[in-house]
Amino acid sequence: MSIVLSIIMFTCYDDQYSFAKTSIMNAIENGNNIVLYGSGCNGKTHLIRDVHDTLEHKGFFISPEPGRDMSASGWNQYLQENQAKKWVVCTNTKEQLFTTFCETAYTLINMDKFRYPQYTALRSGRSCA
């Protein structure tokens, strides 16, 4: 058995976004749960909007970011209450990968390397600068 590792070096935001979009489309087609990770202004919400119709067509639940203190059991209960069999969520809290989402299988798409160009603002209206 051999293991092949591919390392992709992004040189700009557009490369990162393009790779993330390809990755999310693959995850959707495979029916995988999806966590988009990255600090603010990385394009996570934009990517969700970009593939929204496909997510809906494939039956994905689009979750708002859970509270930072949500436990794994709380997350699982939340998914049950929303009848979410397949889901996608964005987070900018690395700890949630090891707490909130630790009992579920998902595809992690890391969008943390590059920020969107400076002229954008966060959903809150704050500048990305």
N, C-alpha and C. Protein backbone atom coordinates (compact mmCIF):
# COMPACT_ATOMS: atom_id res chain seq x y z
N MET A 1 0.85 -1.18 0.00
CA MET A 1 0.00 0.00 0.00
C MET A 1 0.88 1.23 0.00
N SER A 2 0.58 2.15 -0.88
CA SER A 2 1.36 3.39 -0.91
C SER A 2 0.43 4.57 -0.65
N ILE A 3 0.98 5.58 -0.06
CA ILE A 3 0.24 6.80 0.25
C ILE A 3 0.84 7.92 -0.58
N VAL A 4 -0.02 8.63 -1.26
CA VAL A 4 0.43 9.75 -2.07
C VAL A 4 -0.08 11.03 -1.43
N LEU A 5 0.84 11.92 -1.14
CA LEU A 5 0.48 13.22 -0.58
C LEU A 5 0.71 14.29 -1.64
N SER A 6 -0.25 15.15 -1.79
CA SER A 6 -0.10 16.27 -2.70
C SER A 6 -0.09 17.55 -1.88
N ILE A 7 0.87 18.37 -2.14
CA ILE A 7 0.94 19.66 -1.46
C ILE A 7 0.70 20.73 -2.51
N ILE A 8 -0.30 21.53 -2.25
CA ILE A 8 -0.66 22.60 -3.18
C ILE A 8 -0.31 23.92 -2.53
N MET A 9 0.48 24.71 -3.20
CA MET A 9 0.87 26.01 -2.68
C MET A 9 0.03 27.08 -3.38
N PHE A 10 -0.71 27.81 -2.59
CA PHE A 10 -1.50 28.89 -3.13
C PHE A 10 -0.65 30.15 -3.17
N THR A 11 -0.77 30.89 -4.27
CA THR A 11 0.00 32.12 -4.38
C THR A 11 -0.87 33.36 -4.23
N CYS A 12 -2.19 33.17 -4.25
CA CYS A 12 -3.08 34.32 -4.12
C CYS A 12 -4.47 33.85 -3.70
N TYR A 13 -5.31 34.80 -3.37
CA TYR A 13 -6.67 34.51 -2.94
C TYR A 13 -7.43 33.72 -4.00
N ASP A 14 -7.31 34.11 -5.27
CA ASP A 14 -8.06 33.45 -6.34
C ASP A 14 -7.72 31.96 -6.43
N ASP A 15 -6.45 31.61 -6.26
CA ASP A 15 -6.05 30.19 -6.28
C ASP A 15 -6.71 29.44 -5.12
N GLN A 16 -6.66 30.05 -3.95
CA GLN A 16 -7.26 29.43 -2.76
C GLN A 16 -8.76 29.23 -2.96
N TYR A 17 -9.44 30.25 -3.45
CA TYR A 17 -10.89 30.19 -3.64
C TYR A 17 -11.25 29.13 -4.68
N SER A 18 -10.52 29.09 -5.77
CA SER A 18 -10.78 28.12 -6.83
C SER A 18 -10.63 26.69 -6.31
N PHE A 19 -9.56 26.44 -5.54
CA PHE A 19 -9.35 25.12 -4.96
C PHE A 19 -10.48 24.78 -3.97
N ALA A 20 -10.87 25.76 -3.15
CA ALA A 20 -11.96 25.54 -2.19
C ALA A 20 -13.26 25.23 -2.92
N LYS A 21 -13.52 25.91 -4.01
CA LYS A 21 -14.76 25.66 -4.76
C LYS A 21 -14.75 24.26 -5.36
N THR A 22 -13.65 23.84 -5.92
CA THR A 22 -13.54 22.48 -6.45
C THR A 22 -13.73 21.47 -5.33
N SER A 23 -13.12 21.74 -4.18
CA SER A 23 -13.21 20.83 -3.03
C SER A 23 -14.64 20.72 -2.51
N ILE A 24 -15.34 21.85 -2.41
CA ILE A 24 -16.72 21.79 -1.90
C ILE A 24 -17.63 21.08 -2.90
N MET A 25 -17.41 21.28 -4.18
CA MET A 25 -18.23 20.59 -5.18
C MET A 25 -17.99 19.08 -5.11
N ASN A 26 -16.75 18.65 -4.91
CA ASN A 26 -16.46 17.22 -4.75
C ASN A 26 -17.13 16.67 -3.50
N ALA A 27 -17.05 17.41 -2.41
CA ALA A 27 -17.66 16.97 -1.15
C ALA A 27 -19.19 16.87 -1.30
N ILE A 28 -19.78 17.83 -1.98
CA ILE A 28 -21.23 17.80 -2.21
C ILE A 28 -21.60 16.56 -3.02
N GLU A 29 -20.88 16.33 -4.11
CA GLU A 29 -21.18 15.18 -4.97
C GLU A 29 -21.02 13.86 -4.22
N ASN A 30 -20.10 13.81 -3.27
CA ASN A 30 -19.88 12.59 -2.48
C ASN A 30 -20.79 12.50 -1.26
N GLY A 31 -21.59 13.55 -1.02
CA GLY A 31 -22.52 13.56 0.10
C GLY A 31 -21.84 13.72 1.45
N ASN A 32 -20.66 14.34 1.47
CA ASN A 32 -19.92 14.56 2.72
C ASN A 32 -20.40 15.82 3.43
N ASN A 33 -20.43 15.77 4.76
CA ASN A 33 -20.62 16.99 5.54
C ASN A 33 -19.41 17.87 5.30
N ILE A 34 -19.59 19.18 5.46
CA ILE A 34 -18.52 20.11 5.08
C ILE A 34 -18.34 21.18 6.15
N VAL A 35 -17.08 21.41 6.54
CA VAL A 35 -16.72 22.53 7.42
C VAL A 35 -15.76 23.41 6.64
N LEU A 36 -16.15 24.68 6.45
CA LEU A 36 -15.26 25.67 5.86
C LEU A 36 -14.60 26.42 7.01
N TYR A 37 -13.27 26.42 7.02
CA TYR A 37 -12.53 27.05 8.11
C TYR A 37 -11.69 28.20 7.57
N GLY A 38 -11.62 29.28 8.33
CA GLY A 38 -10.74 30.39 8.01
C GLY A 38 -11.15 31.61 8.81
N SER A 39 -10.20 32.50 9.03
CA SER A 39 -10.52 33.74 9.72
C SER A 39 -11.41 34.59 8.82
N GLY A 40 -11.80 35.75 9.27
CA GLY A 40 -12.69 36.59 8.47
C GLY A 40 -12.09 36.98 7.14
N CYS A 41 -12.96 37.22 6.18
CA CYS A 41 -12.59 37.71 4.84
C CYS A 41 -11.83 36.70 3.99
N ASN A 42 -12.11 35.41 4.20
CA ASN A 42 -11.47 34.39 3.38
C ASN A 42 -12.38 33.87 2.28
N GLY A 43 -13.64 34.29 2.26
CA GLY A 43 -14.55 33.88 1.21
C GLY A 43 -15.45 32.71 1.56
N LYS A 44 -15.50 32.33 2.83
CA LYS A 44 -16.33 31.18 3.24
C LYS A 44 -17.80 31.43 2.93
N THR A 45 -18.33 32.54 3.38
CA THR A 45 -19.74 32.85 3.14
C THR A 45 -20.00 33.06 1.66
N HIS A 46 -19.09 33.69 0.98
CA HIS A 46 -19.23 33.90 -0.47
C HIS A 46 -19.30 32.55 -1.19
N LEU A 47 -18.47 31.60 -0.78
CA LEU A 47 -18.47 30.27 -1.39
C LEU A 47 -19.80 29.56 -1.16
N ILE A 48 -20.34 29.66 0.05
CA ILE A 48 -21.64 29.06 0.34
C ILE A 48 -22.70 29.66 -0.58
N ARG A 49 -22.67 30.97 -0.75
CA ARG A 49 -23.64 31.63 -1.65
C ARG A 49 -23.45 31.18 -3.09
N ASP A 50 -22.18 31.01 -3.47
CA ASP A 50 -21.82 30.62 -4.83
C ASP A 50 -22.38 29.23 -5.19
N VAL A 51 -22.41 28.32 -4.23
CA VAL A 51 -22.86 26.94 -4.49
C VAL A 51 -24.20 26.64 -3.81
N HIS A 52 -24.90 27.67 -3.37
CA HIS A 52 -26.15 27.52 -2.61
C HIS A 52 -27.17 26.64 -3.32
N ASP A 53 -27.39 26.88 -4.60
CA ASP A 53 -28.41 26.11 -5.33
C ASP A 53 -28.04 24.63 -5.37
N THR A 54 -26.78 24.33 -5.56
CA THR A 54 -26.32 22.94 -5.59
C THR A 54 -26.50 22.30 -4.22
N LEU A 55 -26.15 23.03 -3.16
CA LEU A 55 -26.33 22.52 -1.80
C LEU A 55 -27.80 22.19 -1.55
N GLU A 56 -28.68 23.10 -1.89
CA GLU A 56 -30.11 22.86 -1.69
C GLU A 56 -30.61 21.68 -2.52
N HIS A 57 -30.20 21.63 -3.77
CA HIS A 57 -30.63 20.54 -4.66
C HIS A 57 -30.19 19.18 -4.14
N LYS A 58 -29.02 19.13 -3.52
CA LYS A 58 -28.49 17.87 -3.00
C LYS A 58 -28.93 17.59 -1.56
N GLY A 59 -29.78 18.46 -0.99
CA GLY A 59 -30.37 18.21 0.32
C GLY A 59 -29.49 18.56 1.51
N PHE A 60 -28.58 19.51 1.34
CA PHE A 60 -27.71 19.92 2.44
C PHE A 60 -28.41 20.96 3.32
N PHE A 61 -28.19 20.83 4.62
CA PHE A 61 -28.62 21.83 5.58
C PHE A 61 -27.48 22.84 5.71
N ILE A 62 -27.77 24.11 5.49
CA ILE A 62 -26.76 25.17 5.59
C ILE A 62 -26.90 25.78 6.98
N SER A 63 -25.95 25.47 7.82
CA SER A 63 -26.02 25.90 9.22
C SER A 63 -25.31 27.22 9.44
N PRO A 64 -25.88 28.08 10.27
CA PRO A 64 -25.11 29.24 10.72
C PRO A 64 -23.98 28.74 11.62
N GLU A 65 -22.98 29.56 11.80
CA GLU A 65 -21.86 29.15 12.67
C GLU A 65 -22.37 28.93 14.09
N PRO A 66 -22.07 27.77 14.66
CA PRO A 66 -22.52 27.52 16.04
C PRO A 66 -21.75 28.36 17.04
N GLY A 67 -22.32 28.53 18.22
CA GLY A 67 -21.64 29.25 19.29
C GLY A 67 -20.32 28.57 19.63
N ARG A 68 -19.36 29.36 20.05
CA ARG A 68 -18.02 28.84 20.34
C ARG A 68 -18.01 27.81 21.46
N ASP A 69 -19.01 27.85 22.31
CA ASP A 69 -19.03 26.92 23.44
C ASP A 69 -19.95 25.72 23.21
N MET A 70 -20.43 25.53 21.97
CA MET A 70 -21.32 24.40 21.71
C MET A 70 -20.54 23.09 21.78
N SER A 71 -21.06 22.16 22.53
CA SER A 71 -20.42 20.85 22.68
C SER A 71 -20.76 19.97 21.49
N ALA A 72 -20.07 18.85 21.39
CA ALA A 72 -20.36 17.89 20.33
C ALA A 72 -21.77 17.34 20.46
N SER A 73 -22.20 17.05 21.68
CA SER A 73 -23.57 16.54 21.86
C SER A 73 -24.59 17.63 21.52
N GLY A 74 -24.29 18.87 21.86
CA GLY A 74 -25.16 19.98 21.50
C GLY A 74 -25.27 20.13 19.98
N TRP A 75 -24.14 19.98 19.28
CA TRP A 75 -24.13 20.06 17.82
C TRP A 75 -24.97 18.93 17.22
N ASN A 76 -24.78 17.71 17.73
CA ASN A 76 -25.54 16.58 17.22
C ASN A 76 -27.04 16.75 17.47
N GLN A 77 -27.40 17.29 18.63
CA GLN A 77 -28.80 17.55 18.93
C GLN A 77 -29.36 18.61 17.99
N TYR A 78 -28.59 19.66 17.76
CA TYR A 78 -28.99 20.73 16.83
C TYR A 78 -29.24 20.16 15.43
N LEU A 79 -28.36 19.28 14.97
CA LEU A 79 -28.53 18.67 13.65
C LEU A 79 -29.80 17.82 13.61
N GLN A 80 -30.04 17.07 14.69
CA GLN A 80 -31.25 16.25 14.78
C GLN A 80 -32.51 17.12 14.74
N GLU A 81 -32.51 18.18 15.52
CA GLU A 81 -33.67 19.09 15.56
C GLU A 81 -33.98 19.69 14.20
N ASN A 82 -32.94 19.88 13.40
CA ASN A 82 -33.10 20.46 12.06
C ASN A 82 -33.18 19.40 10.97
N GLN A 83 -33.27 18.14 11.38
CA GLN A 83 -33.36 17.01 10.46
C GLN A 83 -32.27 17.07 9.39
N ALA A 84 -31.06 17.43 9.82
CA ALA A 84 -29.93 17.59 8.91
C ALA A 84 -29.20 16.26 8.74
N LYS A 85 -29.36 15.66 7.58
CA LYS A 85 -28.64 14.42 7.28
C LYS A 85 -27.27 14.74 6.68
N LYS A 86 -27.22 15.79 5.87
CA LYS A 86 -25.98 16.31 5.29
C LYS A 86 -25.95 17.81 5.59
N TRP A 87 -24.79 18.33 5.93
CA TRP A 87 -24.73 19.73 6.35
C TRP A 87 -23.43 20.39 5.93
N VAL A 88 -23.49 21.73 5.92
CA VAL A 88 -22.31 22.55 5.68
C VAL A 88 -22.34 23.69 6.69
N VAL A 89 -21.16 24.04 7.21
CA VAL A 89 -21.06 25.10 8.20
C VAL A 89 -19.71 25.81 8.01
N CYS A 90 -19.68 27.09 8.36
CA CYS A 90 -18.44 27.87 8.35
C CYS A 90 -18.03 28.12 9.80
N THR A 91 -16.73 28.15 10.03
CA THR A 91 -16.23 28.52 11.35
C THR A 91 -14.89 29.22 11.21
N ASN A 92 -14.64 30.14 12.11
CA ASN A 92 -13.31 30.75 12.18
C ASN A 92 -12.65 30.43 13.52
N THR A 93 -13.21 29.43 14.19
CA THR A 93 -12.68 29.01 15.49
C THR A 93 -12.08 27.62 15.38
N LYS A 94 -10.77 27.55 15.35
CA LYS A 94 -10.06 26.28 15.20
C LYS A 94 -10.44 25.27 16.28
N GLU A 95 -10.69 25.73 17.48
CA GLU A 95 -11.03 24.83 18.58
C GLU A 95 -12.30 24.04 18.30
N GLN A 96 -13.23 24.61 17.54
CA GLN A 96 -14.47 23.90 17.24
C GLN A 96 -14.22 22.60 16.47
N LEU A 97 -13.14 22.55 15.72
CA LEU A 97 -12.81 21.32 15.00
C LEU A 97 -12.59 20.17 15.97
N PHE A 98 -12.11 20.48 17.18
CA PHE A 98 -11.78 19.47 18.18
C PHE A 98 -12.83 19.35 19.28
N THR A 99 -13.82 20.23 19.27
CA THR A 99 -14.86 20.18 20.29
C THR A 99 -16.22 19.97 19.63
N THR A 100 -16.79 21.01 19.07
CA THR A 100 -18.13 20.96 18.49
C THR A 100 -18.28 19.87 17.44
N PHE A 101 -17.32 19.75 16.53
CA PHE A 101 -17.45 18.84 15.39
C PHE A 101 -16.72 17.51 15.58
N CYS A 102 -16.21 17.24 16.78
CA CYS A 102 -15.32 16.09 16.98
C CYS A 102 -16.01 14.73 16.87
N GLU A 103 -17.32 14.68 16.95
CA GLU A 103 -18.02 13.40 16.88
C GLU A 103 -18.69 13.17 15.53
N THR A 104 -18.42 14.03 14.56
CA THR A 104 -19.03 13.89 13.25
C THR A 104 -17.95 13.80 12.18
N ALA A 105 -18.25 13.11 11.11
CA ALA A 105 -17.32 13.03 9.98
C ALA A 105 -17.63 14.18 9.02
N TYR A 106 -16.58 14.81 8.51
CA TYR A 106 -16.78 15.93 7.60
C TYR A 106 -15.54 16.14 6.75
N THR A 107 -15.73 16.85 5.66
CA THR A 107 -14.63 17.31 4.83
C THR A 107 -14.27 18.71 5.31
N LEU A 108 -13.01 18.90 5.66
CA LEU A 108 -12.53 20.21 6.11
C LEU A 108 -11.91 20.93 4.93
N ILE A 109 -12.38 22.13 4.68
CA ILE A 109 -11.82 22.97 3.63
C ILE A 109 -11.22 24.19 4.31
N ASN A 110 -9.90 24.25 4.31
CA ASN A 110 -9.17 25.32 5.00
C ASN A 110 -8.98 26.49 4.04
N MET A 111 -9.61 27.61 4.36
CA MET A 111 -9.51 28.81 3.52
C MET A 111 -8.77 29.93 4.26
N ASP A 112 -7.89 29.56 5.16
CA ASP A 112 -7.29 30.53 6.07
C ASP A 112 -6.03 31.22 5.57
N LYS A 113 -5.46 30.81 4.46
CA LYS A 113 -4.18 31.37 4.05
C LYS A 113 -4.29 32.81 3.51
N PHE A 114 -5.25 33.06 2.63
CA PHE A 114 -5.36 34.38 2.02
C PHE A 114 -6.68 35.03 2.37
N ARG A 115 -6.64 36.32 2.51
CA ARG A 115 -7.85 37.11 2.73
C ARG A 115 -8.30 37.71 1.41
N TYR A 116 -9.62 37.92 1.33
CA TYR A 116 -10.17 38.56 0.16
C TYR A 116 -9.59 39.97 0.05
N PRO A 117 -9.47 40.49 -1.17
CA PRO A 117 -8.89 41.84 -1.31
C PRO A 117 -9.50 42.86 -0.35
N GLN A 118 -8.72 43.83 0.03
CA GLN A 118 -9.03 44.78 1.11
C GLN A 118 -10.32 45.57 0.96
N TYR A 119 -10.91 45.61 -0.22
CA TYR A 119 -12.10 46.44 -0.37
C TYR A 119 -13.38 45.77 0.15
N THR A 120 -13.31 44.57 0.65
CA THR A 120 -14.49 43.92 1.17
C THR A 120 -14.64 44.19 2.65
N ALA A 121 -15.78 43.81 3.18
CA ALA A 121 -16.05 43.96 4.61
C ALA A 121 -16.62 42.64 5.13
N LEU A 122 -16.52 42.45 6.42
CA LEU A 122 -17.11 41.28 7.04
C LEU A 122 -18.63 41.39 7.02
N ARG A 123 -19.32 40.27 7.27
CA ARG A 123 -20.78 40.32 7.32
C ARG A 123 -21.25 41.34 8.35
N SER A 124 -20.43 41.56 9.39
CA SER A 124 -20.82 42.50 10.45
C SER A 124 -20.68 43.96 9.99
N GLY A 125 -20.04 44.16 8.81
CA GLY A 125 -19.83 45.51 8.31
C GLY A 125 -18.45 46.05 8.64
N ARG A 126 -17.71 45.33 9.54
CA ARG A 126 -16.36 45.76 9.86
C ARG A 126 -15.43 45.54 8.66
N SER A 127 -14.40 46.34 8.56
CA SER A 127 -13.42 46.21 7.49
C SER A 127 -12.54 45.00 7.75
N CYS A 128 -12.01 44.42 6.69
CA CYS A 128 -11.09 43.28 6.81
C CYS A 128 -9.67 43.71 7.11
N ALA A 129 -9.38 44.96 6.99
CA ALA A 129 -8.01 45.45 7.16
C ALA A 129 -7.45 45.19 8.53
